C-alpha atoms as a PDB file:
ATOM      1  CA  MET A   1       0.000   0.000   0.000  1.00  0.00           C
ATOM      2  CA  SER A   2       1.270   3.460  -0.857  1.00  0.00           C
ATOM      3  CA  PHE A   3       0.337   6.887   0.493  1.00  0.00           C
ATOM      4  CA  LEU A   4       1.108  10.396  -0.689  1.00  0.00           C
ATOM      5  CA  TYR A   5       2.270  12.700   2.112  1.00  0.00           C
ATOM      6  CA  HIS A   6       2.061  16.360   1.188  1.00  0.00           C
ATOM      7  CA  SER A   7       5.097  18.523   1.811  1.00  0.00           C
ATOM      8  CA  TYR A   8       5.678  22.235   2.201  1.00  0.00           C
ATOM      9  CA  HIS A   9       8.739  23.846   0.634  1.00  0.00           C
ATOM     10  CA  SER A  10      10.167  27.203   1.596  1.00  0.00           C
ATOM     11  CA  PHE A  11      13.310  29.206   0.995  1.00  0.00           C
ATOM     12  CA  LYS A  12      15.068  30.163   4.246  1.00  0.00           C
ATOM     13  CA  GLY A  13      18.006  32.495   3.779  1.00  0.00           C
ATOM     14  CA  ARG A  14      20.685  30.337   2.177  1.00  0.00           C
ATOM     15  CA  GLY A  15      18.719  27.181   1.446  1.00  0.00           C
ATOM     16  CA  TYR A  16      15.429  25.353   1.213  1.00  0.00           C
ATOM     17  CA  VAL A  17      13.400  23.646   3.924  1.00  0.00           C
ATOM     18  CA  VAL A  18      10.886  20.861   3.300  1.00  0.00           C
ATOM     19  CA  SER A  19       8.453  19.628   5.937  1.00  0.00           C
ATOM     20  CA  PHE A  20       5.723  16.998   6.097  1.00  0.00           C
ATOM     21  CA  PRO A  21       2.854  18.309   8.260  1.00  0.00           C
ATOM     22  CA  ASP A  22       1.330  14.843   8.701  1.00  0.00           C
ATOM     23  CA  LEU A  23       4.599  13.434  10.083  1.00  0.00           C
ATOM     24  CA  PRO A  24       5.472  15.386  13.250  1.00  0.00           C
ATOM     25  CA  GLY A  25       9.073  16.557  13.298  1.00  0.00           C
ATOM     26  CA  CYS A  26       9.826  15.248   9.811  1.00  0.00           C
ATOM     27  CA  LEU A  27      11.681  17.929   7.917  1.00  0.00           C
ATOM     28  CA  SER A  28      14.795  18.395   5.888  1.00  0.00           C
ATOM     29  CA  GLN A  29      16.831  21.035   4.124  1.00  0.00           C
ATOM     30  CA  GLY A  30      19.263  21.565   1.293  1.00  0.00           C
ATOM     31  CA  GLU A  31      21.233  24.302  -0.426  1.00  0.00           C
ATOM     32  CA  THR A  32      19.158  23.856  -3.595  1.00  0.00           C
ATOM     33  CA  GLU A  33      15.517  22.918  -4.000  1.00  0.00           C
ATOM     34  CA  LYS A  34      16.549  19.674  -5.731  1.00  0.00           C
ATOM     35  CA  GLU A  35      18.854  18.740  -2.849  1.00  0.00           C
ATOM     36  CA  ALA A  36      16.184  19.636  -0.269  1.00  0.00           C
ATOM     37  CA  LEU A  37      13.618  17.415  -2.018  1.00  0.00           C
ATOM     38  CA  LYS A  38      16.026  14.476  -2.199  1.00  0.00           C
ATOM     39  CA  ASN A  39      16.898  14.914   1.473  1.00  0.00           C
ATOM     40  CA  ALA A  40      13.188  15.165   2.297  1.00  0.00           C
ATOM     41  CA  GLU A  41      12.479  11.795   0.687  1.00  0.00           C
ATOM     42  CA  ASP A  42      15.293  10.300   2.784  1.00  0.00           C
ATOM     43  CA  ALA A  43      13.929  11.971   5.936  1.00  0.00           C
ATOM     44  CA  LYS A  44      10.396  10.716   5.256  1.00  0.00           C
ATOM     45  CA  ARG A  45      11.620   7.155   4.671  1.00  0.00           C
ATOM     46  CA  GLU A  46      13.687   7.203   7.872  1.00  0.00           C
ATOM     47  CA  TRP A  47      10.806   8.760   9.861  1.00  0.00           C
ATOM     48  CA  LEU A  48       8.483   5.959   8.730  1.00  0.00           C
ATOM     49  CA  LYS A  49      11.079   3.252   9.451  1.00  0.00           C
ATOM     50  CA  ALA A  50      11.681   4.630  12.954  1.00  0.00           C
ATOM     51  CA  ALA A  51       7.941   4.857  13.644  1.00  0.00           C
ATOM     52  CA  LEU A  52       7.467   1.216  12.640  1.00  0.00           C
ATOM     53  CA  LYS A  53      10.434   0.096  14.738  1.00  0.00           C
ATOM     54  CA  GLU A  54       9.254   2.030  17.811  1.00  0.00           C
ATOM     55  CA  GLY A  55       5.593   1.092  17.435  1.00  0.00           C
ATOM     56  CA  ILE A  56       4.544   4.697  16.829  1.00  0.00           C
ATOM     57  CA  SER A  57       1.222   5.143  15.074  1.00  0.00           C
ATOM     58  CA  ILE A  58       1.712   6.420  11.535  1.00  0.00           C
ATOM     59  CA  PRO A  59      -0.961   8.958  10.633  1.00  0.00           C
ATOM     60  CA  LEU A  60      -2.812   8.654   7.369  1.00  0.00           C
ATOM     61  CA  PRO A  61      -2.166  11.585   5.048  1.00  0.00           C
ATOM     62  CA  LYS A  62      -4.721  14.383   5.209  1.00  0.00           C
ATOM     63  CA  SER A  63      -5.981  16.042   2.076  1.00  0.00           C
ATOM     64  CA  ILE A  64      -4.545  19.451   1.275  1.00  0.00           C
ATOM     65  CA  CYS A  65      -7.955  20.956   2.121  1.00  0.00           C
ATOM     66  CA  GLN A  66      -7.783  19.562   5.673  1.00  0.00           C
ATOM     67  CA  GLN A  67      -4.424  21.152   6.470  1.00  0.00           C
END
């Protein structure tokens, strides 16, 4: 089963920040938008792996309208 988690991208001074509102504390950054997005995919994967390992409930993605 596959889910789409929405992300927010923003430029912060000297780089980009990407966060996943449905995954508390899951965020990443990079000097370029491309790097930030790649790092964000890594962060999301690791967040989900850690949640499974620790028995943390993984929230279902909300629609953009619900956020």
